[in-house]
Amino acid sequence: MADEFEELRQLRFQKPVNYYTYWGLEADFSRRGLISPETQQLLLEKGEYFGSLKQDELPPVNNDYTWAQIEQENKDWWPSHCAALRSGGERGNNILSAEYHKNLVYLCQDGPFVGTEDQKDRERHWGALLSLPGVTVCWPIVYFWREFVQFEWNCVDDQSNEIISKGFATWTRRGHRGGCYFKSEQFTFYRDVYAPPELLPQ
């Protein structure tokens, strides 16, 4: 079997890669300042539409729903996910919630969580931290293979250019019909992290 990622590895040896250009994605969320309000609005509408396509049961992979189609659907979906997280608020949160299959398994520092209700409170806090006012979340690296989406993100202060948090995640998303049924991620926060008063020296 041919190595599907040989071209990408060779490119990375030669110069930095813009993954959004490499994968042919609709919008570039690798840094701030690249997304117009019009594009943001269009992507939110697409995110709502993609969520409406999710089926109750995870669809099988076969001649009617191939790995190639699932991978392309994940590439089409990715910018809408970024737009929803950047926008925050009720609309963005509703789009993000609709991305998950009902039998989601979620592994993170505070997990594991099973199902969409079990992780809802944890997810609510993550979303609020990543869409802080005056901070832009960016995804400089993203990979796609079949139903797997792996990415790195960071949150950049719009005034100081500090990276205040970053993380790494892998999602298993069975295209629009299945949604995300497994994700694993790690978060690191560098600023605005305080110990509770009872642990501080008097």
Protein backbone atom coordinates (compact mmCIF):
# COMPACT_ATOMS: atom_id res chain seq x y z
CA MET A 1 0.00 0.00 0.00
CA ALA A 2 1.37 3.42 -0.97
CA ASP A 3 2.28 5.79 1.84
CA GLU A 4 -0.50 8.39 1.77
CA PHE A 5 1.47 10.95 3.76
CA GLU A 6 4.86 10.77 2.02
CA GLU A 7 4.19 13.97 0.04
CA LEU A 8 3.25 15.87 3.19
CA ARG A 9 6.34 14.67 5.05
CA GLN A 10 8.58 15.73 2.19
CA LEU A 11 6.96 19.17 2.07
CA ARG A 12 7.53 19.66 5.80
CA PHE A 13 11.23 18.92 5.38
CA GLN A 14 11.49 21.68 2.77
CA LYS A 15 9.49 24.49 4.43
CA PRO A 16 6.65 25.14 6.88
CA VAL A 17 3.31 23.81 5.65
CA ASN A 18 0.01 25.63 5.62
CA TYR A 19 -2.29 22.70 6.30
CA TYR A 20 -5.41 24.53 5.14
CA THR A 21 -3.88 25.05 1.72
CA TYR A 22 -2.49 21.51 1.62
CA TRP A 23 -5.87 19.90 2.35
CA GLY A 24 -7.80 22.37 0.19
CA LEU A 25 -9.99 23.57 3.06
CA GLU A 26 -12.60 26.28 2.60
CA ALA A 27 -11.19 28.67 5.23
CA ASP A 28 -7.88 29.10 7.07
CA PHE A 29 -8.01 29.14 10.88
CA SER A 30 -4.25 28.73 11.36
CA ARG A 31 -3.96 32.27 12.75
CA ARG A 32 -6.17 35.25 13.48
CA GLY A 33 -7.25 37.87 10.98
CA LEU A 34 -7.95 35.53 8.06
CA ILE A 35 -11.72 35.02 8.40
CA SER A 36 -14.16 37.73 7.30
CA PRO A 37 -17.51 38.17 9.10
CA GLU A 38 -19.25 36.97 5.93
CA THR A 39 -17.19 33.76 5.84
CA GLN A 40 -17.77 33.22 9.55
CA GLN A 41 -21.53 33.51 9.06
CA LEU A 42 -21.50 31.10 6.11
CA LEU A 43 -19.50 28.54 8.09
CA LEU A 44 -21.90 28.75 11.04
CA GLU A 45 -24.78 28.04 8.68
CA LYS A 46 -22.91 25.04 7.30
CA GLY A 47 -22.20 23.82 10.83
CA GLU A 48 -25.91 23.88 11.59
CA TYR A 49 -26.64 22.00 8.37
CA PHE A 50 -23.97 19.35 9.04
CA GLY A 51 -25.43 18.76 12.50
CA SER A 52 -28.87 18.15 10.97
CA LEU A 53 -27.48 15.27 8.85
CA LYS A 54 -26.42 13.16 11.84
CA GLN A 55 -28.18 9.81 12.11
CA ASP A 56 -29.27 8.16 15.33
CA GLU A 57 -27.03 5.12 14.79
CA LEU A 58 -23.42 5.14 13.63
CA PRO A 59 -23.52 4.38 9.89
CA PRO A 60 -21.55 1.43 8.52
CA VAL A 61 -18.68 1.99 6.11
CA ASN A 62 -19.48 0.31 2.80
CA ASN A 63 -19.83 0.99 -0.92
CA ASP A 64 -22.61 3.47 -0.16
CA TYR A 65 -20.59 5.35 2.47
CA THR A 66 -16.88 5.01 1.81
CA TRP A 67 -13.78 6.07 3.72
CA ALA A 68 -13.04 8.57 0.95
CA GLN A 69 -16.45 10.19 1.36
CA ILE A 70 -16.13 10.28 5.14
CA GLU A 71 -12.68 11.88 4.93
CA GLN A 72 -13.97 14.53 2.50
CA GLU A 73 -16.95 15.26 4.74
CA ASN A 74 -14.56 15.76 7.67
CA LYS A 75 -12.55 18.24 5.60
CA ASP A 76 -15.75 20.07 4.67
CA TRP A 77 -16.84 20.11 8.33
CA TRP A 78 -13.57 21.25 9.92
CA PRO A 79 -13.82 25.02 9.17
CA SER A 80 -17.39 25.07 10.51
CA HIS A 81 -16.15 23.56 13.77
CA CYS A 82 -13.48 26.24 14.10
CA ALA A 83 -16.00 28.98 13.32
CA ALA A 84 -18.42 27.69 15.95
CA LEU A 85 -15.75 27.57 18.64
CA ARG A 86 -14.47 31.03 17.81
CA SER A 87 -17.95 32.51 17.86
CA GLY A 88 -18.98 31.06 21.23
CA GLY A 89 -22.38 32.05 22.54
CA GLU A 90 -25.55 30.01 22.33
CA ARG A 91 -25.40 29.51 18.58
CA GLY A 92 -21.79 28.33 18.56
CA ASN A 93 -22.43 26.05 21.54
CA ASN A 94 -25.47 24.50 19.87
CA ILE A 95 -23.42 23.75 16.75
CA LEU A 96 -20.66 22.18 18.82
CA SER A 97 -23.12 20.05 20.80
CA ALA A 98 -24.71 18.76 17.59
CA GLU A 99 -21.31 17.50 16.39
CA TYR A 100 -21.32 14.56 18.83
CA HIS A 101 -22.82 11.12 18.43
CA LYS A 102 -25.05 10.13 21.33
CA ASN A 103 -22.58 7.39 22.38
CA LEU A 104 -19.57 9.71 22.52
CA VAL A 105 -16.53 8.54 24.49
CA TYR A 106 -14.36 11.47 25.62
CA LEU A 107 -10.93 11.06 27.22
CA CYS A 108 -9.26 14.12 28.79
CA GLN A 109 -7.62 15.22 32.05
CA ASP A 110 -10.96 15.23 33.88
CA GLY A 111 -12.50 12.24 32.09
CA PRO A 112 -13.33 9.75 30.92
CA PHE A 113 -16.85 10.76 29.94
CA VAL A 114 -19.41 8.62 28.14
CA GLY A 115 -22.38 10.07 26.28
CA THR A 116 -23.20 13.68 25.54
CA GLU A 117 -24.80 14.47 28.91
CA ASP A 118 -21.89 13.19 31.01
CA GLN A 119 -19.38 15.61 29.46
CA LYS A 120 -21.69 18.60 28.96
CA ASP A 121 -20.53 20.63 31.98
CA ARG A 122 -16.85 20.00 31.27
CA GLU A 123 -17.34 20.98 27.62
CA ARG A 124 -19.14 24.17 28.64
CA HIS A 125 -16.11 25.32 30.64
CA TRP A 126 -13.65 24.42 27.86
CA GLY A 127 -15.68 26.38 25.32
CA ALA A 128 -15.85 29.46 27.55
CA LEU A 129 -12.10 29.40 28.18
CA LEU A 130 -11.26 29.02 24.49
CA SER A 131 -13.52 31.88 23.38
CA LEU A 132 -12.46 34.45 26.00
CA PRO A 133 -12.96 38.10 24.99
CA GLY A 134 -9.77 39.54 23.50
CA VAL A 135 -8.39 36.08 22.71
CA THR A 136 -8.41 34.24 19.38
CA VAL A 137 -8.21 30.46 19.19
CA CYS A 138 -6.19 29.16 16.21
CA TRP A 139 -5.58 25.71 14.80
CA PRO A 140 -2.18 25.74 13.01
CA ILE A 141 -1.99 21.98 12.42
CA VAL A 142 -4.72 19.59 11.28
CA TYR A 143 -4.52 16.10 9.77
CA PHE A 144 -7.21 13.96 8.13
CA TRP A 145 -7.23 10.23 7.48
CA ARG A 146 -10.47 8.37 6.89
CA GLU A 147 -12.57 9.11 10.00
CA PHE A 148 -9.68 10.50 12.07
CA VAL A 149 -9.05 14.22 12.57
CA GLN A 150 -6.00 15.24 14.59
CA PHE A 151 -5.15 18.84 15.38
CA GLU A 152 -3.21 21.26 17.55
CA TRP A 153 -4.63 24.57 18.75
CA ASN A 154 -3.52 27.62 20.69
CA CYS A 155 -5.21 30.70 22.14
CA VAL A 156 -3.48 34.00 21.39
CA ASP A 157 -4.05 37.25 23.27
CA ASP A 158 -5.06 39.81 20.65
CA GLN A 159 -3.12 42.65 22.33
CA SER A 160 0.05 41.05 23.69
CA ASN A 161 0.34 38.09 21.26
CA GLU A 162 0.91 35.78 24.23
CA ILE A 163 -0.09 32.17 23.81
CA ILE A 164 -2.23 31.75 26.92
CA SER A 165 -3.24 28.14 26.33
CA LYS A 166 -2.70 25.31 23.89
CA GLY A 167 -3.75 21.75 23.31
CA PHE A 168 -3.75 18.65 21.16
CA ALA A 169 -6.73 16.52 20.18
CA THR A 170 -7.81 13.54 18.11
CA TRP A 171 -11.41 13.10 17.00
CA THR A 172 -12.97 10.05 15.41
CA ARG A 173 -15.80 11.42 13.27
CA ARG A 174 -17.87 9.17 11.00
CA GLY A 175 -18.60 12.02 8.60
CA HIS A 176 -21.81 14.03 8.68
CA ARG A 177 -23.98 10.95 9.19
CA GLY A 178 -22.25 9.70 12.32
CA GLY A 179 -20.65 12.73 13.94
CA CYS A 180 -17.85 12.45 16.49
CA TYR A 181 -18.07 9.29 18.59
CA PHE A 182 -14.61 9.37 20.19
CA LYS A 183 -12.27 12.18 21.13
CA SER A 184 -9.13 12.47 23.20
CA GLU A 185 -7.44 15.72 24.09
CA GLN A 186 -4.98 17.50 26.34
CA PHE A 187 -5.18 21.14 27.47
CA THR A 188 -2.45 23.36 28.93
CA PHE A 189 -3.18 26.82 30.35
CA TYR A 190 -0.42 29.38 30.94
CA ARG A 191 -2.26 32.42 32.28
CA ASP A 192 -5.05 33.32 34.70
CA VAL A 193 -4.52 30.12 36.66
CA TYR A 194 -4.73 30.65 40.44
CA ALA A 195 -4.57 28.34 43.44
CA PRO A 196 -7.52 28.32 45.87
CA PRO A 197 -7.02 30.68 48.86
CA GLU A 198 -6.73 27.86 51.39
CA LEU A 199 -3.55 26.58 49.69
CA LEU A 200 -1.75 29.94 49.75
CA PRO A 201 0.76 30.79 52.51
CA GLN A 202 -0.61 33.21 55.11
